[in-house]
Amino acid sequence: MAFEFTDDNFKSTALEEDKVTVVDFWAEWCGPCRMISPIIEELSKEYDGKALIGKVNVDDNPQISMRYGIRSIPTILILKNGEVVDKQIGTTSKQALANKIEAVLIQ
């Protein structure tokens, strides 16, 4: 299951960890978010131990969303060592997202 990022745990889990982190900004009312949710779940299992993959509910965690200027959802940020290194706005395929993650893992 994908990790659940919150305003309270984001700094310690996503920013202070020395690993690749994938953050899906979503909301329950967002149709495209529901389309990409199974992809995020699958990738979280496939990359377990290699990358931390999780979700931020923008309605419940406004501080993280404001910090990154999230205006459209779904938005997926890929962070390495606490810095944004790639971004995907809108839906995408599992393979396209996996390719982005792989590219950051080998950097």
PDB file of N, CA and C in Angstrom:
ATOM      1  N   MET A   1       0.836  -1.187   0.000  1.00  0.00           N
ATOM      2  CA  MET A   1       0.000   0.000   0.000  1.00  0.00           C
ATOM      3  C   MET A   1       0.880   1.250   0.000  1.00  0.00           C
ATOM      4  N   ALA A   2       0.479   2.221  -0.761  1.00  0.00           N
ATOM      5  CA  ALA A   2       1.242   3.468  -0.847  1.00  0.00           C
ATOM      6  C   ALA A   2       1.259   4.165   0.515  1.00  0.00           C
ATOM      7  N   PHE A   3       2.379   4.786   0.804  1.00  0.00           N
ATOM      8  CA  PHE A   3       2.555   5.516   2.055  1.00  0.00           C
ATOM      9  C   PHE A   3       1.632   6.730   2.074  1.00  0.00           C
ATOM     10  N   GLU A   4       1.124   7.089   3.232  1.00  0.00           N
ATOM     11  CA  GLU A   4       0.267   8.271   3.346  1.00  0.00           C
ATOM     12  C   GLU A   4       1.057   9.416   3.975  1.00  0.00           C
ATOM     13  N   PHE A   5       1.414  10.375   3.128  1.00  0.00           N
ATOM     14  CA  PHE A   5       2.108  11.566   3.617  1.00  0.00           C
ATOM     15  C   PHE A   5       1.089  12.525   4.218  1.00  0.00           C
ATOM     16  N   THR A   6       1.494  13.199   5.295  1.00  0.00           N
ATOM     17  CA  THR A   6       0.648  14.212   5.922  1.00  0.00           C
ATOM     18  C   THR A   6       1.490  15.452   6.182  1.00  0.00           C
ATOM     19  N   ASP A   7       0.821  16.537   6.528  1.00  0.00           N
ATOM     20  CA  ASP A   7       1.545  17.756   6.903  1.00  0.00           C
ATOM     21  C   ASP A   7       2.510  17.469   8.052  1.00  0.00           C
ATOM     22  N   ASP A   8       2.131  16.552   8.939  1.00  0.00           N
ATOM     23  CA  ASP A   8       2.941  16.249  10.122  1.00  0.00           C
ATOM     24  C   ASP A   8       4.150  15.367   9.826  1.00  0.00           C
ATOM     25  N   ASN A   9       4.017  14.405   8.914  1.00  0.00           N
ATOM     26  CA  ASN A   9       5.124  13.464   8.703  1.00  0.00           C
ATOM     27  C   ASN A   9       5.957  13.740   7.451  1.00  0.00           C
ATOM     28  N   PHE A  10       5.569  14.700   6.646  1.00  0.00           N
ATOM     29  CA  PHE A  10       6.224  14.910   5.354  1.00  0.00           C
ATOM     30  C   PHE A  10       7.707  15.238   5.494  1.00  0.00           C
ATOM     31  N   LYS A  11       8.044  16.132   6.396  1.00  0.00           N
ATOM     32  CA  LYS A  11       9.441  16.543   6.538  1.00  0.00           C
ATOM     33  C   LYS A  11      10.320  15.351   6.908  1.00  0.00           C
ATOM     34  N   SER A  12       9.909  14.576   7.885  1.00  0.00           N
ATOM     35  CA  SER A  12      10.749  13.465   8.352  1.00  0.00           C
ATOM     36  C   SER A  12      10.790  12.299   7.376  1.00  0.00           C
ATOM     37  N   THR A  13       9.737  12.089   6.598  1.00  0.00           N
ATOM     38  CA  THR A  13       9.706  10.930   5.708  1.00  0.00           C
ATOM     39  C   THR A  13      10.148  11.245   4.291  1.00  0.00           C
ATOM     40  N   ALA A  14       9.852  12.416   3.784  1.00  0.00           N
ATOM     41  CA  ALA A  14      10.161  12.734   2.392  1.00  0.00           C
ATOM     42  C   ALA A  14      11.385  13.620   2.235  1.00  0.00           C
ATOM     43  N   LEU A  15      11.595  14.540   3.135  1.00  0.00           N
ATOM     44  CA  LEU A  15      12.652  15.527   2.950  1.00  0.00           C
ATOM     45  C   LEU A  15      13.954  15.173   3.642  1.00  0.00           C
ATOM     46  N   GLU A  16      13.891  14.468   4.745  1.00  0.00           N
ATOM     47  CA  GLU A  16      15.102  14.178   5.507  1.00  0.00           C
ATOM     48  C   GLU A  16      15.674  12.798   5.210  1.00  0.00           C
ATOM     49  N   GLU A  17      14.982  12.020   4.430  1.00  0.00           N
ATOM     50  CA  GLU A  17      15.469  10.697   4.075  1.00  0.00           C
ATOM     51  C   GLU A  17      16.383  10.793   2.855  1.00  0.00           C
ATOM     52  N   ASP A  18      17.399   9.951   2.833  1.00  0.00           N
ATOM     53  CA  ASP A  18      18.374   9.954   1.750  1.00  0.00           C
ATOM     54  C   ASP A  18      17.969   8.925   0.691  1.00  0.00           C
ATOM     55  N   LYS A  19      16.798   9.124   0.109  1.00  0.00           N
ATOM     56  CA  LYS A  19      16.314   8.193  -0.908  1.00  0.00           C
ATOM     57  C   LYS A  19      15.346   8.898  -1.849  1.00  0.00           C
ATOM     58  N   VAL A  20      14.976   8.178  -2.885  1.00  0.00           N
ATOM     59  CA  VAL A  20      14.020   8.701  -3.851  1.00  0.00           C
ATOM     60  C   VAL A  20      12.621   8.587  -3.259  1.00  0.00           C
ATOM     61  N   THR A  21      11.858   9.671  -3.377  1.00  0.00           N
ATOM     62  CA  THR A  21      10.491   9.715  -2.864  1.00  0.00           C
ATOM     63  C   THR A  21       9.568  10.178  -3.983  1.00  0.00           C
ATOM     64  N   VAL A  22       8.461   9.465  -4.158  1.00  0.00           N
ATOM     65  CA  VAL A  22       7.459   9.813  -5.159  1.00  0.00           C
ATOM     66  C   VAL A  22       6.193  10.204  -4.408  1.00  0.00           C
ATOM     67  N   VAL A  23       5.697  11.415  -4.694  1.00  0.00           N
ATOM     68  CA  VAL A  23       4.554  11.950  -3.962  1.00  0.00           C
ATOM     69  C   VAL A  23       3.421  12.260  -4.940  1.00  0.00           C
ATOM     70  N   ASP A  24       2.309  11.576  -4.766  1.00  0.00           N
ATOM     71  CA  ASP A  24       1.109  11.777  -5.583  1.00  0.00           C
ATOM     72  C   ASP A  24       0.158  12.697  -4.823  1.00  0.00           C
ATOM     73  N   PHE A  25      -0.070  13.887  -5.356  1.00  0.00           N
ATOM     74  CA  PHE A  25      -1.033  14.829  -4.773  1.00  0.00           C
ATOM     75  C   PHE A  25      -2.397  14.521  -5.397  1.00  0.00           C
ATOM     76  N   TRP A  26      -3.389  14.248  -4.555  1.00  0.00           N
ATOM     77  CA  TRP A  26      -4.694  13.790  -5.034  1.00  0.00           C
ATOM     78  C   TRP A  26      -5.812  14.270  -4.113  1.00  0.00           C
ATOM     79  N   ALA A  27      -7.051  14.002  -4.535  1.00  0.00           N
ATOM     80  CA  ALA A  27      -8.241  14.249  -3.712  1.00  0.00           C
ATOM     81  C   ALA A  27      -9.293  13.216  -4.093  1.00  0.00           C
ATOM     82  N   GLU A  28     -10.157  12.890  -3.143  1.00  0.00           N
ATOM     83  CA  GLU A  28     -11.189  11.883  -3.385  1.00  0.00           C
ATOM     84  C   GLU A  28     -12.151  12.270  -4.505  1.00  0.00           C
ATOM     85  N   TRP A  29     -12.417  13.562  -4.678  1.00  0.00           N
ATOM     86  CA  TRP A  29     -13.390  14.029  -5.659  1.00  0.00           C
ATOM     87  C   TRP A  29     -12.803  14.132  -7.071  1.00  0.00           C
ATOM     88  N   CYS A  30     -11.536  13.859  -7.225  1.00  0.00           N
ATOM     89  CA  CYS A  30     -10.825  14.042  -8.494  1.00  0.00           C
ATOM     90  C   CYS A  30     -10.856  12.757  -9.326  1.00  0.00           C
ATOM     91  N   GLY A  31     -11.559  12.787 -10.444  1.00  0.00           N
ATOM     92  CA  GLY A  31     -11.656  11.623 -11.329  1.00  0.00           C
ATOM     93  C   GLY A  31     -10.314  11.129 -11.847  1.00  0.00           C
ATOM     94  N   PRO A  32      -9.486  12.007 -12.431  1.00  0.00           N
ATOM     95  CA  PRO A  32      -8.176  11.558 -12.904  1.00  0.00           C
ATOM     96  C   PRO A  32      -7.301  10.989 -11.780  1.00  0.00           C
ATOM     97  N   CYS A  33      -7.476  11.489 -10.568  1.00  0.00           N
ATOM     98  CA  CYS A  33      -6.715  10.962  -9.419  1.00  0.00           C
ATOM     99  C   CYS A  33      -7.092   9.507  -9.161  1.00  0.00           C
ATOM    100  N   ARG A  34      -8.382   9.199  -9.297  1.00  0.00           N
ATOM    101  CA  ARG A  34      -8.838   7.824  -9.095  1.00  0.00           C
ATOM    102  C   ARG A  34      -8.296   6.913 -10.190  1.00  0.00           C
ATOM    103  N   MET A  35      -8.071   7.473 -11.385  1.00  0.00           N
ATOM    104  CA  MET A  35      -7.512   6.680 -12.482  1.00  0.00           C
ATOM    105  C   MET A  35      -6.053   6.306 -12.221  1.00  0.00           C
ATOM    106  N   ILE A  36      -5.294   7.206 -11.628  1.00  0.00           N
ATOM    107  CA  ILE A  36      -3.871   6.960 -11.418  1.00  0.00           C
ATOM    108  C   ILE A  36      -3.589   6.246 -10.098  1.00  0.00           C
ATOM    109  N   SER A  37      -4.540   6.217  -9.203  1.00  0.00           N
ATOM    110  CA  SER A  37      -4.348   5.602  -7.892  1.00  0.00           C
ATOM    111  C   SER A  37      -3.871   4.146  -7.957  1.00  0.00           C
ATOM    112  N   PRO A  38      -4.465   3.282  -8.800  1.00  0.00           N
ATOM    113  CA  PRO A  38      -3.973   1.896  -8.864  1.00  0.00           C
ATOM    114  C   PRO A  38      -2.515   1.810  -9.338  1.00  0.00           C
ATOM    115  N   ILE A  39      -2.111   2.725 -10.202  1.00  0.00           N
ATOM    116  CA  ILE A  39      -0.726   2.750 -10.677  1.00  0.00           C
ATOM    117  C   ILE A  39       0.215   3.068  -9.520  1.00  0.00           C
ATOM    118  N   ILE A  40      -0.159   4.049  -8.708  1.00  0.00           N
ATOM    119  CA  ILE A  40       0.663   4.422  -7.547  1.00  0.00           C
ATOM    120  C   ILE A  40       0.771   3.238  -6.592  1.00  0.00           C
ATOM    121  N   GLU A  41      -0.333   2.541  -6.363  1.00  0.00           N
ATOM    122  CA  GLU A  41      -0.330   1.374  -5.478  1.00  0.00           C
ATOM    123  C   GLU A  41       0.604   0.282  -6.009  1.00  0.00           C
ATOM    124  N   GLU A  42       0.517  -0.003  -7.302  1.00  0.00           N
ATOM    125  CA  GLU A  42       1.376  -1.030  -7.901  1.00  0.00           C
ATOM    126  C   GLU A  42       2.844  -0.640  -7.810  1.00  0.00           C
ATOM    127  N   LEU A  43       3.155   0.602  -8.127  1.00  0.00           N
ATOM    128  CA  LEU A  43       4.542   1.048  -8.079  1.00  0.00           C
ATOM    129  C   LEU A  43       5.085   1.032  -6.654  1.00  0.00           C
ATOM    130  N   SER A  44       4.235   1.327  -5.675  1.00  0.00           N
ATOM    131  CA  SER A  44       4.711   1.315  -4.288  1.00  0.00           C
ATOM    132  C   SER A  44       5.155  -0.095  -3.891  1.00  0.00           C
ATOM    133  N   LYS A  45       4.492  -1.118  -4.409  1.00  0.00           N
ATOM    134  CA  LYS A  45       4.890  -2.493  -4.131  1.00  0.00           C
ATOM    135  C   LYS A  45       6.156  -2.861  -4.911  1.00  0.00           C
ATOM    136  N   GLU A  46       6.191  -2.481  -6.177  1.00  0.00           N
ATOM    137  CA  GLU A  46       7.318  -2.841  -7.037  1.00  0.00           C
ATOM    138  C   GLU A  46       8.623  -2.163  -6.619  1.00  0.00           C
ATOM    139  N   TYR A  47       8.526  -0.965  -6.068  1.00  0.00           N
ATOM    140  CA  TYR A  47       9.726  -0.221  -5.682  1.00  0.00           C
ATOM    141  C   TYR A  47       9.969  -0.231  -4.169  1.00  0.00           C
ATOM    142  N   ASP A  48       9.294  -1.126  -3.469  1.00  0.00           N
ATOM    143  CA  ASP A  48       9.473  -1.233  -2.029  1.00  0.00           C
ATOM    144  C   ASP A  48      10.950  -1.502  -1.728  1.00  0.00           C
ATOM    145  N   GLY A  49      11.532  -0.687  -0.878  1.00  0.00           N
ATOM    146  CA  GLY A  49      12.938  -0.822  -0.553  1.00  0.00           C
ATOM    147  C   GLY A  49      13.860   0.002  -1.429  1.00  0.00           C
ATOM    148  N   LYS A  50      13.374   0.419  -2.593  1.00  0.00           N
ATOM    149  CA  LYS A  50      14.178   1.241  -3.513  1.00  0.00           C
ATOM    150  C   LYS A  50      13.765   2.701  -3.469  1.00  0.00           C
ATOM    151  N   ALA A  51      12.461   2.938  -3.333  1.00  0.00           N
ATOM    152  CA  ALA A  51      11.910   4.296  -3.311  1.00  0.00           C
ATOM    153  C   ALA A  51      10.679   4.296  -2.408  1.00  0.00           C
ATOM    154  N   LEU A  52      10.433   5.432  -1.782  1.00  0.00           N
ATOM    155  CA  LEU A  52       9.225   5.590  -0.972  1.00  0.00           C
ATOM    156  C   LEU A  52       8.167   6.242  -1.857  1.00  0.00           C
ATOM    157  N   ILE A  53       7.084   5.529  -2.081  1.00  0.00           N
ATOM    158  CA  ILE A  53       6.027   6.017  -2.959  1.00  0.00           C
ATOM    159  C   ILE A  53       4.765   6.181  -2.129  1.00  0.00           C
ATOM    160  N   GLY A  54       4.200   7.392  -2.181  1.00  0.00           N
ATOM    161  CA  GLY A  54       3.024   7.656  -1.371  1.00  0.00           C
ATOM    162  C   GLY A  54       2.141   8.745  -1.928  1.00  0.00           C
ATOM    163  N   LYS A  55       1.136   9.078  -1.143  1.00  0.00           N
ATOM    164  CA  LYS A  55       0.089  10.000  -1.575  1.00  0.00           C
ATOM    165  C   LYS A  55      -0.138  11.089  -0.530  1.00  0.00           C
ATOM    166  N   VAL A  56      -0.537  12.253  -1.029  1.00  0.00           N
ATOM    167  CA  VAL A  56      -0.933  13.369  -0.168  1.00  0.00           C
ATOM    168  C   VAL A  56      -2.346  13.774  -0.559  1.00  0.00           C
ATOM    169  N   ASN A  57      -3.274  13.665   0.364  1.00  0.00           N
ATOM    170  CA  ASN A  57      -4.624  14.155   0.117  1.00  0.00           C
ATOM    171  C   ASN A  57      -4.582  15.679   0.294  1.00  0.00           C
ATOM    172  N   VAL A  58      -4.786  16.413  -0.800  1.00  0.00           N
ATOM    173  CA  VAL A  58      -4.630  17.869  -0.768  1.00  0.00           C
ATOM    174  C   VAL A  58      -5.678  18.544   0.115  1.00  0.00           C
ATOM    175  N   ASP A  59      -6.830  17.919   0.270  1.00  0.00           N
ATOM    176  CA  ASP A  59      -7.866  18.506   1.108  1.00  0.00           C
ATOM    177  C   ASP A  59      -7.508  18.414   2.590  1.00  0.00           C
ATOM    178  N   ASP A  60      -6.827  17.345   2.965  1.00  0.00           N
ATOM    179  CA  ASP A  60      -6.482  17.115   4.368  1.00  0.00           C
ATOM    180  C   ASP A  60      -5.111  17.670   4.754  1.00  0.00           C
ATOM    181  N   ASN A  61      -4.269  17.975   3.762  1.00  0.00           N
ATOM    182  CA  ASN A  61      -2.885  18.394   4.022  1.00  0.00           C
ATOM    183  C   ASN A  61      -2.513  19.613   3.180  1.00  0.00           C
ATOM    184  N   PRO A  62      -3.100  20.757   3.482  1.00  0.00           N
ATOM    185  CA  PRO A  62      -2.883  21.939   2.639  1.00  0.00           C
ATOM    186  C   PRO A  62      -1.469  22.520   2.718  1.00  0.00           C
ATOM    187  N   GLN A  63      -0.746  22.293   3.798  1.00  0.00           N
ATOM    188  CA  GLN A  63       0.587  22.887   3.921  1.00  0.00           C
ATOM    189  C   GLN A  63       1.554  22.344   2.874  1.00  0.00           C
ATOM    190  N   ILE A  64       1.538  21.037   2.674  1.00  0.00           N
ATOM    191  CA  ILE A  64       2.434  20.441   1.675  1.00  0.00           C
ATOM    192  C   ILE A  64       2.062  20.949   0.285  1.00  0.00           C
ATOM    193  N   SER A  65       0.767  20.980   0.006  1.00  0.00           N
ATOM    194  CA  SER A  65       0.301  21.434  -1.308  1.00  0.00           C
ATOM    195  C   SER A  65       0.720  22.872  -1.580  1.00  0.00           C
ATOM    196  N   MET A  66       0.593  23.734  -0.576  1.00  0.00           N
ATOM    197  CA  MET A  66       0.993  25.132  -0.740  1.00  0.00           C
ATOM    198  C   MET A  66       2.503  25.246  -0.913  1.00  0.00           C
ATOM    199  N   ARG A  67       3.242  24.469  -0.154  1.00  0.00           N
ATOM    200  CA  ARG A  67       4.709  24.521  -0.230  1.00  0.00           C
ATOM    201  C   ARG A  67       5.206  24.260  -1.655  1.00  0.00           C
ATOM    202  N   TYR A  68       4.561  23.326  -2.350  1.00  0.00           N
ATOM    203  CA  TYR A  68       4.989  22.963  -3.695  1.00  0.00           C
ATOM    204  C   TYR A  68       4.158  23.614  -4.792  1.00  0.00           C
ATOM    205  N   GLY A  69       3.275  24.518  -4.427  1.00  0.00           N
ATOM    206  CA  GLY A  69       2.482  25.250  -5.415  1.00  0.00           C
ATOM    207  C   GLY A  69       1.593  24.362  -6.261  1.00  0.00           C
ATOM    208  N   ILE A  70       1.014  23.351  -5.642  1.00  0.00           N
ATOM    209  CA  ILE A  70       0.158  22.418  -6.373  1.00  0.00           C
ATOM    210  C   ILE A  70      -1.145  23.120  -6.728  1.00  0.00           C
ATOM    211  N   ARG A  71      -1.394  23.269  -8.022  1.00  0.00           N
ATOM    212  CA  ARG A  71      -2.601  23.931  -8.510  1.00  0.00           C
ATOM    213  C   ARG A  71      -3.513  22.975  -9.271  1.00  0.00           C
ATOM    214  N   SER A  72      -2.951  21.889  -9.783  1.00  0.00           N
ATOM    215  CA  SER A  72      -3.714  20.885 -10.525  1.00  0.00           C
ATOM    216  C   SER A  72      -3.423  19.520  -9.922  1.00  0.00           C
ATOM    217  N   ILE A  73      -4.450  18.691  -9.891  1.00  0.00           N
ATOM    218  CA  ILE A  73      -4.233  17.325  -9.439  1.00  0.00           C
ATOM    219  C   ILE A  73      -4.826  16.373 -10.467  1.00  0.00           C
ATOM    220  N   PRO A  74      -4.253  15.203 -10.619  1.00  0.00           N
ATOM    221  CA  PRO A  74      -3.097  14.718  -9.887  1.00  0.00           C
ATOM    222  C   PRO A  74      -1.799  15.403 -10.340  1.00  0.00           C
ATOM    223  N   THR A  75      -0.941  15.647  -9.384  1.00  0.00           N
ATOM    224  CA  THR A  75       0.435  16.066  -9.635  1.00  0.00           C
ATOM    225  C   THR A  75       1.329  15.100  -8.886  1.00  0.00           C
ATOM    226  N   ILE A  76       2.331  14.596  -9.571  1.00  0.00           N
ATOM    227  CA  ILE A  76       3.264  13.659  -8.953  1.00  0.00           C
ATOM    228  C   ILE A  76       4.644  14.298  -8.968  1.00  0.00           C
ATOM    229  N   LEU A  77       5.234  14.415  -7.780  1.00  0.00           N
ATOM    230  CA  LEU A  77       6.588  14.943  -7.646  1.00  0.00           C
ATOM    231  C   LEU A  77       7.528  13.796  -7.330  1.00  0.00           C
ATOM    232  N   ILE A  78       8.700  13.828  -7.948  1.00  0.00           N
ATOM    233  CA  ILE A  78       9.750  12.876  -7.613  1.00  0.00           C
ATOM    234  C   ILE A  78      10.862  13.665  -6.950  1.00  0.00           C
ATOM    235  N   LEU A  79      11.174  13.272  -5.723  1.00  0.00           N
ATOM    236  CA  LEU A  79      12.199  13.960  -4.941  1.00  0.00           C
ATOM    237  C   LEU A  79      13.392  13.034  -4.730  1.00  0.00           C
ATOM    238  N   LYS A  80      14.559  13.629  -4.718  1.00  0.00           N
ATOM    239  CA  LYS A  80      15.768  12.901  -4.360  1.00  0.00           C
ATOM    240  C   LYS A  80      16.529  13.764  -3.383  1.00  0.00           C
ATOM    241  N   ASN A  81      16.864  13.199  -2.230  1.00  0.00           N
ATOM    242  CA  ASN A  81      17.548  13.945  -1.177  1.00  0.00           C
ATOM    243  C   ASN A  81      16.780  15.210  -0.795  1.00  0.00           C
ATOM    244  N   GLY A  82      15.442  15.127  -0.827  1.00  0.00           N
ATOM    245  CA  GLY A  82      14.599  16.237  -0.411  1.00  0.00           C
ATOM    246  C   GLY A  82      14.354  17.304  -1.455  1.00  0.00           C
ATOM    247  N   GLU A  83      14.920  17.148  -2.662  1.00  0.00           N
ATOM    248  CA  GLU A  83      14.756  18.141  -3.727  1.00  0.00           C
ATOM    249  C   GLU A  83      13.906  17.568  -4.862  1.00  0.00           C
ATOM    250  N   VAL A  84      13.024  18.399  -5.427  1.00  0.00           N
ATOM    251  CA  VAL A  84      12.212  17.966  -6.559  1.00  0.00           C
ATOM    252  C   VAL A  84      13.119  17.825  -7.786  1.00  0.00           C
ATOM    253  N   VAL A  85      13.130  16.630  -8.380  1.00  0.00           N
ATOM    254  CA  VAL A  85      13.953  16.383  -9.559  1.00  0.00           C
ATOM    255  C   VAL A  85      13.115  16.087 -10.801  1.00  0.00           C
ATOM    256  N   ASP A  86      11.834  15.795 -10.615  1.00  0.00           N
ATOM    257  CA  ASP A  86      10.942  15.566 -11.753  1.00  0.00           C
ATOM    258  C   ASP A  86       9.505  15.785 -11.301  1.00  0.00           C
ATOM    259  N   LYS A  87       8.645  16.049 -12.283  1.00  0.00           N
ATOM    260  CA  LYS A  87       7.238  16.345 -11.981  1.00  0.00           C
ATOM    261  C   LYS A  87       6.369  15.813 -13.113  1.00  0.00           C
ATOM    262  N   GLN A  88       5.197  15.295 -12.751  1.00  0.00           N
ATOM    263  CA  GLN A  88       4.193  14.856 -13.714  1.00  0.00           C
ATOM    264  C   GLN A  88       2.868  15.481 -13.312  1.00  0.00           C
ATOM    265  N   ILE A  89       2.284  16.275 -14.191  1.00  0.00           N
ATOM    266  CA  ILE A  89       0.971  16.862 -13.930  1.00  0.00           C
ATOM    267  C   ILE A  89      -0.038  16.153 -14.812  1.00  0.00           C
ATOM    268  N   GLY A  90      -1.097  15.660 -14.208  1.00  0.00           N
ATOM    269  CA  GLY A  90      -2.115  14.930 -14.950  1.00  0.00           C
ATOM    270  C   GLY A  90      -1.817  13.437 -14.967  1.00  0.00           C
ATOM    271  N   THR A  91      -2.685  12.696 -15.631  1.00  0.00           N
ATOM    272  CA  THR A  91      -2.529  11.244 -15.672  1.00  0.00           C
ATOM    273  C   THR A  91      -1.380  10.855 -16.588  1.00  0.00           C
ATOM    274  N   THR A  92      -0.896   9.659 -16.369  1.00  0.00           N
ATOM    275  CA  THR A  92       0.187   9.116 -17.171  1.00  0.00           C
ATOM    276  C   THR A  92       0.103   7.602 -17.101  1.00  0.00           C
ATOM    277  N   SER A  93       0.891   6.941 -17.907  1.00  0.00           N
ATOM    278  CA  SER A  93       0.914   5.475 -17.874  1.00  0.00           C
ATOM    279  C   SER A  93       1.852   4.988 -16.776  1.00  0.00           C
ATOM    280  N   LYS A  94       1.641   3.760 -16.369  1.00  0.00           N
ATOM    281  CA  LYS A  94       2.513   3.155 -15.361  1.00  0.00           C
ATOM    282  C   LYS A  94       3.945   3.121 -15.880  1.00  0.00           C
ATOM    283  N   GLN A  95       4.122   2.742 -17.142  1.00  0.00           N
ATOM    284  CA  GLN A  95       5.468   2.635 -17.704  1.00  0.00           C
ATOM    285  C   GLN A  95       6.172   3.986 -17.746  1.00  0.00           C
ATOM    286  N   ALA A  96       5.448   5.036 -18.116  1.00  0.00           N
ATOM    287  CA  ALA A  96       6.058   6.374 -18.175  1.00  0.00           C
ATOM    288  C   ALA A  96       6.511   6.814 -16.787  1.00  0.00           C
ATOM    289  N   LEU A  97       5.706   6.543 -15.789  1.00  0.00           N
ATOM    290  CA  LEU A  97       6.069   6.917 -14.417  1.00  0.00           C
ATOM    291  C   LEU A  97       7.231   6.060 -13.918  1.00  0.00           C
ATOM    292  N   ALA A  98       7.206   4.771 -14.226  1.00  0.00           N
ATOM    293  CA  ALA A  98       8.310   3.880 -13.842  1.00  0.00           C
ATOM    294  C   ALA A  98       9.613   4.342 -14.497  1.00  0.00           C
ATOM    295  N   ASN A  99       9.549   4.774 -15.744  1.00  0.00           N
ATOM    296  CA  ASN A  99      10.739   5.268 -16.440  1.00  0.00           C
ATOM    297  C   ASN A  99      11.315   6.488 -15.723  1.00  0.00           C
ATOM    298  N   LYS A 100      10.445   7.383 -15.274  1.00  0.00           N
ATOM    299  CA  LYS A 100      10.901   8.567 -14.542  1.00  0.00           C
ATOM    300  C   LYS A 100      11.576   8.178 -13.226  1.00  0.00           C
ATOM    301  N   ILE A 101      10.968   7.223 -12.528  1.00  0.00           N
ATOM    302  CA  ILE A 101      11.537   6.763 -11.258  1.00  0.00           C
ATOM    303  C   ILE A 101      12.895   6.110 -11.496  1.00  0.00           C
ATOM    304  N   GLU A 102      12.972   5.254 -12.491  1.00  0.00           N
ATOM    305  CA  GLU A 102      14.238   4.574 -12.808  1.00  0.00           C
ATOM    306  C   GLU A 102      15.336   5.578 -13.147  1.00  0.00           C
ATOM    307  N   ALA A 103      14.979   6.601 -13.908  1.00  0.00           N
ATOM    308  CA  ALA A 103      15.967   7.618 -14.293  1.00  0.00           C
ATOM    309  C   ALA A 103      16.549   8.314 -13.064  1.00  0.00           C
ATOM    310  N   VAL A 104      15.704   8.569 -12.072  1.00  0.00           N
ATOM    311  CA  VAL A 104      16.182   9.233 -10.849  1.00  0.00           C
ATOM    312  C   VAL A 104      16.974   8.262  -9.983  1.00  0.00           C
ATOM    313  N   LEU A 105      16.585   7.008  -9.956  1.00  0.00           N
ATOM    314  CA  LEU A 105      17.294   6.004  -9.148  1.00  0.00           C
ATOM    315  C   LEU A 105      18.744   5.822  -9.615  1.00  0.00           C
ATOM    316  N   ILE A 106      18.980   5.925 -10.912  1.00  0.00           N
ATOM    317  CA  ILE A 106      20.346   5.687 -11.431  1.00  0.00           C
ATOM    318  C   ILE A 106      21.207   6.940 -11.434  1.00  0.00           C
ATOM    319  N   GLN A 107      20.651   8.087 -11.100  1.00  0.00           N
ATOM    320  CA  GLN A 107      21.432   9.333 -11.068  1.00  0.00           C
ATOM    321  C   GLN A 107      22.472   9.276  -9.985  1.00  0.00           C
TER     322      GLN A 107
END
